[in-house]
Amino acid sequence: MSRVKFSVFTLAFPGRTAEEALRLAAEVGFDGVDMRTNRDGHIYIDASREVRRRLVELADSLNIKIFSVYSYLGGDLVSPDPGVRERAVQELVAHVDLAVDLGATYVRIFPGTKERTRENYERFIESCRLACREAEDRGVYIGMETHGELAYSGDTCNLILERVGSEFLKVVYDVAGVHMQGLNPLKELREIDLGHVIAVQFHDFVKEEGRWRPVLLGEGEVPHEGIAKYLKDMGYEGFIVDEYEKWWHPHELPDPEEGLPHELSYLKKLFEV
């Protein structure tokens, strides 16, 4: 039997408080949540100790976990301005401290920028090295998502992992993100040691008139079945994330009360749980 843990990114809950997001996720049956951490998100790094404590207590009472802190850090980690990069690393460390207080396992980051250049790779790698030293001291992982121009394939993920050289840098594998790059998500995933993959994100799209339109899992063209079979065959025990983008697509996806039960049922069927 699969021992993966099913999580929902709180991007699924626009207009809801963090407490409401936790309750809804628990009602649907998820094992945990990934907290949207931004100034307009469900929590931010300026949250008081009391706020952090109350969220953990609520999660415990609901028998649900806060698995991760999903930051929006990326572009500033590759800024040509050393001062901007330094502040971005400090902000990332503050996200790590938030993760510690919430009992979270990892912090999600974006690998960089819109420009795929050698200079940006070097800046991103150095920023990750600095942040990972602090993360290691705190026992929290940093997960770079395959979203963007620097980590979008098996070989680019491996390049960054090798150059950073820290066991506390992991991959958050966005299946749809890789598919949208015109790559084969299963082929690219096979190139990465699964020990380095802390989470795998699932969401679905169809391409219409040059635009990717979000749909419920199983109703689009993103190839999930092969990914799930491979993870099961390999005994993967990481996080399976439902990236339900209601926040960005309020009129195209059903409300979470309607859409998320379908999503979780689909994922559990894929993983034979």
Protein backbone atom coordinates (compact mmCIF):
# COMPACT_ATOMS: atom_id res chain seq x y z
CA MET A 1 0.00 0.00 0.00
CA SER A 2 1.22 3.50 -0.85
CA ARG A 3 2.44 5.58 2.07
CA VAL A 4 2.29 8.93 0.34
CA LYS A 5 0.72 11.87 2.16
CA PHE A 6 -2.01 13.83 0.40
CA SER A 7 -1.84 17.59 0.74
CA VAL A 8 -3.72 20.55 -0.68
CA PHE A 9 -2.11 23.90 -1.43
CA THR A 10 -4.22 26.62 0.20
CA LEU A 11 -4.29 28.39 -3.18
CA ALA A 12 -7.54 26.41 -3.32
CA PHE A 13 -9.14 28.70 -0.73
CA PRO A 14 -9.30 32.33 -1.91
CA GLY A 15 -11.28 34.59 0.37
CA ARG A 16 -10.96 32.14 3.28
CA THR A 17 -8.89 32.53 6.42
CA ALA A 18 -6.09 30.13 7.28
CA GLU A 19 -8.36 28.59 9.90
CA GLU A 20 -11.14 28.07 7.37
CA ALA A 21 -8.67 26.55 4.93
CA LEU A 22 -7.50 24.05 7.54
CA ARG A 23 -11.06 23.09 8.43
CA LEU A 24 -12.12 22.63 4.80
CA ALA A 25 -9.02 20.58 3.99
CA ALA A 26 -9.69 18.35 6.99
CA GLU A 27 -13.36 17.94 6.07
CA VAL A 28 -12.44 16.78 2.57
CA GLY A 29 -9.97 14.28 4.01
CA PHE A 30 -6.53 15.60 3.14
CA ASP A 31 -3.62 14.63 5.39
CA GLY A 32 -2.23 18.15 5.38
CA VAL A 33 -1.94 21.53 3.72
CA ASP A 34 0.71 23.66 2.05
CA MET A 35 0.28 27.21 3.32
CA ARG A 36 0.17 30.02 0.77
CA THR A 37 2.69 32.36 2.38
CA ASN A 38 2.53 35.86 0.99
CA ARG A 39 1.35 39.29 2.06
CA ASP A 40 -2.04 38.45 0.56
CA GLY A 41 -1.84 34.77 1.52
CA HIS A 42 -3.03 32.71 4.46
CA ILE A 43 0.01 33.57 6.54
CA TYR A 44 3.18 35.59 6.18
CA ILE A 45 6.55 35.81 7.87
CA ASP A 46 5.34 38.73 10.02
CA ALA A 47 2.75 36.52 11.75
CA SER A 48 3.01 36.67 15.53
CA ARG A 49 4.04 33.72 17.67
CA GLU A 50 0.48 33.59 18.95
CA VAL A 51 -0.97 33.29 15.44
CA ARG A 52 1.50 30.54 14.60
CA ARG A 53 0.72 28.67 17.82
CA ARG A 54 -3.04 28.87 17.27
CA LEU A 55 -2.76 27.46 13.75
CA VAL A 56 -0.72 24.51 14.96
CA GLU A 57 -3.20 23.85 17.77
CA LEU A 58 -6.12 24.00 15.33
CA ALA A 59 -4.38 21.66 12.89
CA ASP A 60 -3.70 19.21 15.71
CA SER A 61 -7.34 19.33 16.82
CA LEU A 62 -8.42 18.55 13.23
CA ASN A 63 -5.89 15.71 12.90
CA ILE A 64 -4.27 17.48 9.95
CA LYS A 65 -0.71 18.74 9.42
CA ILE A 66 0.84 21.87 7.96
CA PHE A 67 3.27 20.12 5.65
CA SER A 68 4.94 23.13 4.06
CA VAL A 69 5.28 26.86 3.68
CA TYR A 70 4.79 27.88 0.03
CA SER A 71 6.74 31.08 -0.49
CA TYR A 72 6.83 33.22 -3.62
CA LEU A 73 10.55 33.83 -3.49
CA GLY A 74 12.34 33.45 -6.80
CA GLY A 75 13.32 36.43 -8.89
CA ASP A 76 15.16 38.29 -6.14
CA LEU A 77 17.32 35.22 -5.49
CA VAL A 78 18.94 35.82 -8.90
CA SER A 79 19.00 39.62 -8.88
CA PRO A 80 22.21 41.15 -10.26
CA ASP A 81 22.17 43.41 -7.18
CA PRO A 82 24.02 41.64 -4.32
CA GLY A 83 22.00 43.61 -1.76
CA VAL A 84 18.70 42.41 -3.22
CA ARG A 85 19.94 38.82 -3.21
CA GLU A 86 21.09 39.12 0.40
CA ARG A 87 17.69 40.41 1.49
CA ALA A 88 15.99 37.61 -0.45
CA VAL A 89 18.09 35.00 1.33
CA GLN A 90 17.25 36.60 4.68
CA GLU A 91 13.58 36.51 3.75
CA LEU A 92 13.90 32.85 2.79
CA VAL A 93 15.45 32.11 6.18
CA ALA A 94 12.48 33.89 7.79
CA HIS A 95 10.21 31.50 5.87
CA VAL A 96 12.27 28.61 7.25
CA ASP A 97 11.74 29.95 10.77
CA LEU A 98 8.00 30.15 10.07
CA ALA A 99 8.10 26.53 8.91
CA VAL A 100 9.77 25.54 12.17
CA ASP A 101 7.04 27.23 14.21
CA LEU A 102 4.29 25.59 12.12
CA GLY A 103 5.87 22.14 12.31
CA ALA A 104 6.29 22.14 8.52
CA THR A 105 8.74 19.94 6.66
CA TYR A 106 9.81 22.25 3.84
CA VAL A 107 9.64 25.70 2.25
CA ARG A 108 8.76 25.97 -1.46
CA ILE A 109 10.70 28.42 -3.66
CA PHE A 110 10.72 29.24 -7.37
CA PRO A 111 14.00 28.74 -9.24
CA GLY A 112 14.70 32.24 -10.33
CA THR A 113 13.49 34.26 -13.17
CA LYS A 114 12.23 34.53 -16.71
CA GLU A 115 15.77 34.51 -18.09
CA ARG A 116 17.64 31.22 -18.55
CA THR A 117 21.24 32.44 -18.34
CA ARG A 118 24.49 31.15 -16.86
CA GLU A 119 24.64 34.19 -14.59
CA ASN A 120 21.20 33.47 -13.16
CA TYR A 121 22.09 29.84 -12.56
CA GLU A 122 25.20 30.90 -10.64
CA ARG A 123 23.26 33.44 -8.57
CA PHE A 124 20.49 30.97 -7.79
CA ILE A 125 22.96 28.28 -6.78
CA GLU A 126 24.82 30.64 -4.45
CA SER A 127 21.56 31.88 -2.88
CA CYS A 128 20.50 28.27 -2.28
CA ARG A 129 23.83 27.41 -0.70
CA LEU A 130 23.50 30.27 1.77
CA ALA A 131 19.88 29.47 2.62
CA CYS A 132 20.48 25.73 2.93
CA ARG A 133 23.13 26.27 5.60
CA GLU A 134 20.49 27.97 7.74
CA ALA A 135 17.80 25.44 6.82
CA GLU A 136 20.05 22.55 7.81
CA ASP A 137 20.60 24.11 11.24
CA ARG A 138 16.81 24.22 11.68
CA GLY A 139 16.00 20.82 10.20
CA VAL A 140 13.77 22.23 7.44
CA TYR A 141 14.12 21.44 3.74
CA ILE A 142 13.98 23.91 0.87
CA GLY A 143 12.01 22.65 -2.12
CA MET A 144 12.63 24.21 -5.54
CA GLU A 145 9.61 23.85 -7.77
CA THR A 146 9.94 22.83 -11.42
CA HIS A 147 8.28 26.04 -12.44
CA GLY A 148 10.12 28.62 -14.47
CA GLU A 149 13.29 28.82 -16.46
CA LEU A 150 16.03 27.41 -14.23
CA ALA A 151 14.66 24.09 -12.91
CA TYR A 152 12.29 22.68 -15.50
CA SER A 153 13.69 19.25 -16.38
CA GLY A 154 15.59 16.33 -14.94
CA ASP A 155 19.00 17.58 -16.01
CA THR A 156 18.47 21.17 -14.81
CA CYS A 157 17.26 19.93 -11.41
CA ASN A 158 20.25 17.61 -11.14
CA LEU A 159 22.63 20.41 -12.10
CA ILE A 160 21.35 22.65 -9.32
CA LEU A 161 21.21 19.85 -6.74
CA GLU A 162 24.77 18.83 -7.50
CA ARG A 163 26.16 22.35 -7.49
CA VAL A 164 24.42 23.38 -4.27
CA GLY A 165 25.56 20.16 -2.63
CA SER A 166 23.14 20.17 0.30
CA GLU A 167 20.83 17.35 1.36
CA PHE A 168 18.44 20.07 2.48
CA LEU A 169 17.71 21.22 -1.07
CA LYS A 170 14.95 19.15 -2.63
CA VAL A 171 12.74 19.19 -5.71
CA VAL A 172 9.01 19.98 -5.74
CA TYR A 173 8.06 18.26 -8.98
CA ASP A 174 5.24 20.09 -10.77
CA VAL A 175 3.98 17.55 -13.31
CA ALA A 176 1.92 20.08 -15.27
CA GLY A 177 4.73 22.62 -15.23
CA VAL A 178 7.07 20.17 -16.92
CA HIS A 179 4.37 19.13 -19.39
CA MET A 180 3.79 22.77 -20.32
CA GLN A 181 7.48 23.07 -21.21
CA GLY A 182 6.82 20.54 -23.96
CA LEU A 183 8.68 17.81 -22.09
CA ASN A 184 7.67 14.30 -21.01
CA PRO A 185 7.06 14.57 -17.25
CA LEU A 186 7.68 10.86 -16.60
CA LYS A 187 10.93 10.82 -18.56
CA GLU A 188 12.21 13.90 -16.73
CA LEU A 189 11.17 12.57 -13.31
CA ARG A 190 13.01 9.30 -13.94
CA GLU A 191 16.23 11.28 -14.32
CA ILE A 192 16.02 12.60 -10.75
CA ASP A 193 16.84 10.46 -7.72
CA LEU A 194 13.48 10.25 -5.92
CA GLY A 195 15.33 10.75 -2.65
CA HIS A 196 15.69 14.35 -3.79
CA VAL A 197 11.98 14.78 -4.62
CA ILE A 198 10.14 15.96 -1.53
CA ALA A 199 6.76 16.54 -3.19
CA VAL A 200 4.94 15.95 -6.46
CA GLN A 201 2.25 18.42 -7.53
CA PHE A 202 -0.82 17.44 -9.52
CA HIS A 203 -3.16 19.74 -11.42
CA ASP A 204 -4.73 19.52 -14.85
CA PHE A 205 -5.18 21.68 -17.94
CA VAL A 206 -6.37 21.62 -21.51
CA LYS A 207 -4.81 23.77 -24.20
CA GLU A 208 -7.29 25.91 -26.09
CA GLU A 209 -6.34 28.56 -28.64
CA GLY A 210 -2.82 28.79 -27.28
CA ARG A 211 -3.93 29.11 -23.65
CA TRP A 212 -3.83 26.57 -20.85
CA ARG A 213 -7.26 26.32 -19.24
CA PRO A 214 -7.46 24.70 -15.78
CA VAL A 215 -9.82 21.76 -15.30
CA LEU A 216 -10.47 19.15 -12.64
CA LEU A 217 -7.92 16.36 -12.32
CA GLY A 218 -8.48 13.70 -14.96
CA GLU A 219 -10.37 16.02 -17.30
CA GLY A 220 -7.33 17.54 -19.01
CA GLU A 221 -4.28 16.45 -20.96
CA VAL A 222 -1.58 16.37 -18.28
CA PRO A 223 -0.30 12.76 -18.08
CA HIS A 224 -0.71 11.72 -14.44
CA GLU A 225 -1.17 7.95 -14.63
CA GLY A 226 2.40 7.08 -15.58
CA ILE A 227 3.78 9.39 -12.89
CA ALA A 228 1.65 7.76 -10.19
CA LYS A 229 2.54 4.24 -11.32
CA TYR A 230 6.25 5.07 -11.30
CA LEU A 231 6.05 6.60 -7.82
CA LYS A 232 4.14 3.57 -6.52
CA ASP A 233 6.57 1.12 -8.13
CA MET A 234 9.51 2.98 -6.59
CA GLY A 235 7.95 3.02 -3.11
CA TYR A 236 7.76 6.80 -2.98
CA GLU A 237 6.63 8.09 0.42
CA GLY A 238 6.69 11.86 -0.08
CA PHE A 239 3.97 14.46 -0.42
CA ILE A 240 1.34 14.35 -3.16
CA VAL A 241 0.07 17.90 -3.58
CA ASP A 242 -3.26 18.90 -5.08
CA GLU A 243 -2.47 22.28 -6.64
CA TYR A 244 -6.05 23.45 -7.07
CA GLU A 245 -5.63 26.96 -8.48
CA LYS A 246 -8.98 28.44 -7.52
CA TRP A 247 -7.16 31.60 -6.38
CA TRP A 248 -5.93 32.32 -9.92
CA HIS A 249 -8.96 30.92 -11.76
CA PRO A 250 -12.04 31.84 -9.70
CA HIS A 251 -14.49 31.43 -12.59
CA GLU A 252 -13.02 28.34 -14.25
CA LEU A 253 -12.79 25.92 -11.32
CA PRO A 254 -15.62 24.88 -8.99
CA ASP A 255 -15.61 26.07 -5.40
CA PRO A 256 -13.31 23.95 -3.23
CA GLU A 257 -16.23 22.31 -1.42
CA GLU A 258 -17.28 20.87 -4.77
CA GLY A 259 -13.97 20.43 -6.58
CA LEU A 260 -11.65 19.12 -3.89
CA PRO A 261 -13.56 15.91 -3.06
CA HIS A 262 -13.23 14.97 -6.74
CA GLU A 263 -9.55 15.88 -6.72
CA LEU A 264 -8.70 13.82 -3.64
CA SER A 265 -10.75 10.86 -4.87
CA TYR A 266 -8.89 10.98 -8.19
CA LEU A 267 -5.49 11.07 -6.48
CA LYS A 268 -6.34 8.23 -4.10
CA LYS A 269 -7.53 6.13 -7.01
CA LEU A 270 -4.27 6.84 -8.87
CA PHE A 271 -2.25 5.74 -5.86
CA GLU A 272 -4.59 2.86 -4.99
CA VAL A 273 -5.29 4.15 -1.50
